[in-house]
Amino acid sequence: MEFDKIVLLNALVTSSKIPLTLKTKPASLEEVKTLVANKEIQSFIGHEATAQLLTSLLSTNISVNRGMYEPKPGDVAVVTRLKKRLEKPEDVKTVTPNDVEFILVEYHEY
């Protein structure tokens, strides 16, 4: 898979404008670190605490962006998902790498 940019999401995004198919697979933290290395990162992580957590886990600065992501064919994204519900936003400080899962998403023309 060849790509220069990776999109970071905290939820799976589908398109209502372009017919797309999605190819997904689970990814480990190490796989995601390798994927984002030396790539342009476009963050659509809308919560500061989640961006800080990803900055720590991926060893690269992840910015907060509450914009709307509209996928296109050829886009590659990583969806970050917590395996447990946090009672309060500040509980993100107790999240460990074992509490996070990643899903690699490839968007293709339908």
Protein backbone atom coordinates (compact mmCIF):
# COMPACT_ATOMS: atom_id res chain seq x y z
CA MET A 1 0.00 0.00 0.00
CA GLU A 2 1.53 3.29 -1.14
CA PHE A 3 0.36 6.58 0.31
CA ASP A 4 1.86 9.85 1.51
CA LYS A 5 -0.86 11.02 3.89
CA ILE A 6 -2.72 9.31 6.70
CA VAL A 7 -5.93 10.53 8.28
CA LEU A 8 -6.51 10.06 12.02
CA LEU A 9 -10.11 9.61 13.16
CA ASN A 10 -11.83 8.73 16.42
CA ALA A 11 -14.83 7.19 14.61
CA LEU A 12 -15.36 5.43 11.30
CA VAL A 13 -16.48 7.92 8.65
CA THR A 14 -18.40 6.96 5.52
CA SER A 15 -19.28 9.24 2.65
CA SER A 16 -22.68 10.47 1.61
CA LYS A 17 -21.34 12.27 -1.47
CA ILE A 18 -19.09 9.73 -3.20
CA PRO A 19 -19.86 6.00 -3.57
CA LEU A 20 -17.03 4.25 -1.72
CA THR A 21 -16.12 0.81 -0.48
CA LEU A 22 -14.10 0.46 2.69
CA LYS A 23 -11.45 -2.10 3.46
CA THR A 24 -10.75 -2.38 7.20
CA LYS A 25 -8.43 -4.37 9.42
CA PRO A 26 -7.29 -4.19 13.03
CA ALA A 27 -3.83 -2.70 13.51
CA SER A 28 -1.45 -2.85 16.46
CA LEU A 29 0.12 0.21 18.06
CA GLU A 30 3.44 -0.74 16.47
CA GLU A 31 1.84 -0.99 13.01
CA VAL A 32 0.26 2.45 13.44
CA LYS A 33 3.58 3.95 14.59
CA THR A 34 5.19 2.57 11.42
CA LEU A 35 2.29 3.83 9.25
CA VAL A 36 2.51 7.42 10.51
CA ALA A 37 6.32 7.60 10.41
CA ASN A 38 7.44 10.12 7.77
CA LYS A 39 3.89 10.66 6.53
CA GLU A 40 1.75 13.77 6.41
CA ILE A 41 -0.83 13.37 9.16
CA GLN A 42 -4.25 14.94 8.82
CA SER A 43 -5.93 14.77 12.21
CA PHE A 44 -9.68 14.81 12.68
CA ILE A 45 -9.35 14.08 16.39
CA GLY A 46 -11.82 16.45 18.02
CA HIS A 47 -10.93 16.08 21.69
CA GLU A 48 -7.80 17.55 23.26
CA ALA A 49 -7.34 14.60 25.65
CA THR A 50 -7.48 12.09 22.80
CA ALA A 51 -5.00 14.13 20.74
CA GLN A 52 -2.64 14.24 23.73
CA LEU A 53 -2.99 10.49 24.25
CA LEU A 54 -2.20 9.81 20.58
CA THR A 55 0.73 12.24 20.69
CA SER A 56 2.14 10.19 23.57
CA LEU A 57 1.42 6.76 22.06
CA LEU A 58 2.64 7.60 18.53
CA SER A 59 5.57 9.83 19.56
CA THR A 60 4.46 12.52 17.11
CA ASN A 61 2.40 15.67 17.53
CA ILE A 62 -1.31 15.06 16.88
CA SER A 63 -3.38 18.23 16.60
CA VAL A 64 -7.01 18.76 17.53
CA ASN A 65 -9.33 19.31 14.58
CA ARG A 66 -13.11 19.42 14.93
CA GLY A 67 -13.59 19.78 11.18
CA MET A 68 -15.69 17.45 9.05
CA TYR A 69 -13.78 14.72 7.24
CA GLU A 70 -15.11 13.78 3.82
CA PRO A 71 -13.32 10.63 2.58
CA LYS A 72 -12.18 10.18 -1.02
CA PRO A 73 -10.98 7.16 -2.99
CA GLY A 74 -7.34 6.46 -2.13
CA ASP A 75 -7.53 7.85 1.42
CA VAL A 76 -6.00 5.82 4.21
CA ALA A 77 -7.18 6.38 7.77
CA VAL A 78 -6.56 5.06 11.25
CA VAL A 79 -9.56 4.97 13.56
CA THR A 80 -8.66 5.09 17.25
CA ARG A 81 -11.11 3.51 19.65
CA LEU A 82 -11.09 3.14 23.43
CA LYS A 83 -12.03 -0.32 24.61
CA LYS A 84 -13.71 1.11 27.71
CA ARG A 85 -16.00 4.04 28.41
CA LEU A 86 -14.47 6.84 30.47
CA GLU A 87 -16.55 8.27 33.29
CA LYS A 88 -14.99 11.75 32.97
CA PRO A 89 -12.81 13.30 30.24
CA GLU A 90 -9.88 13.60 32.68
CA ASP A 91 -9.93 9.79 33.07
CA VAL A 92 -8.02 9.68 29.78
CA LYS A 93 -4.90 10.16 31.96
CA THR A 94 -5.35 6.58 33.21
CA VAL A 95 -5.65 5.04 29.73
CA THR A 96 -2.91 2.58 28.85
CA PRO A 97 -1.90 1.28 25.41
CA ASN A 98 -3.89 -1.90 26.23
CA ASP A 99 -7.07 0.23 26.47
CA VAL A 100 -6.78 1.47 22.89
CA GLU A 101 -7.42 -0.30 19.63
CA PHE A 102 -6.73 0.85 16.09
CA ILE A 103 -8.51 0.06 12.83
CA LEU A 104 -6.83 0.70 9.49
CA VAL A 105 -9.29 1.91 6.82
CA GLU A 106 -8.68 2.13 3.07
CA TYR A 107 -11.26 4.03 1.01
CA HIS A 108 -11.80 2.80 -2.55
CA GLU A 109 -14.03 3.84 -5.43
CA TYR A 110 -17.25 1.81 -5.47
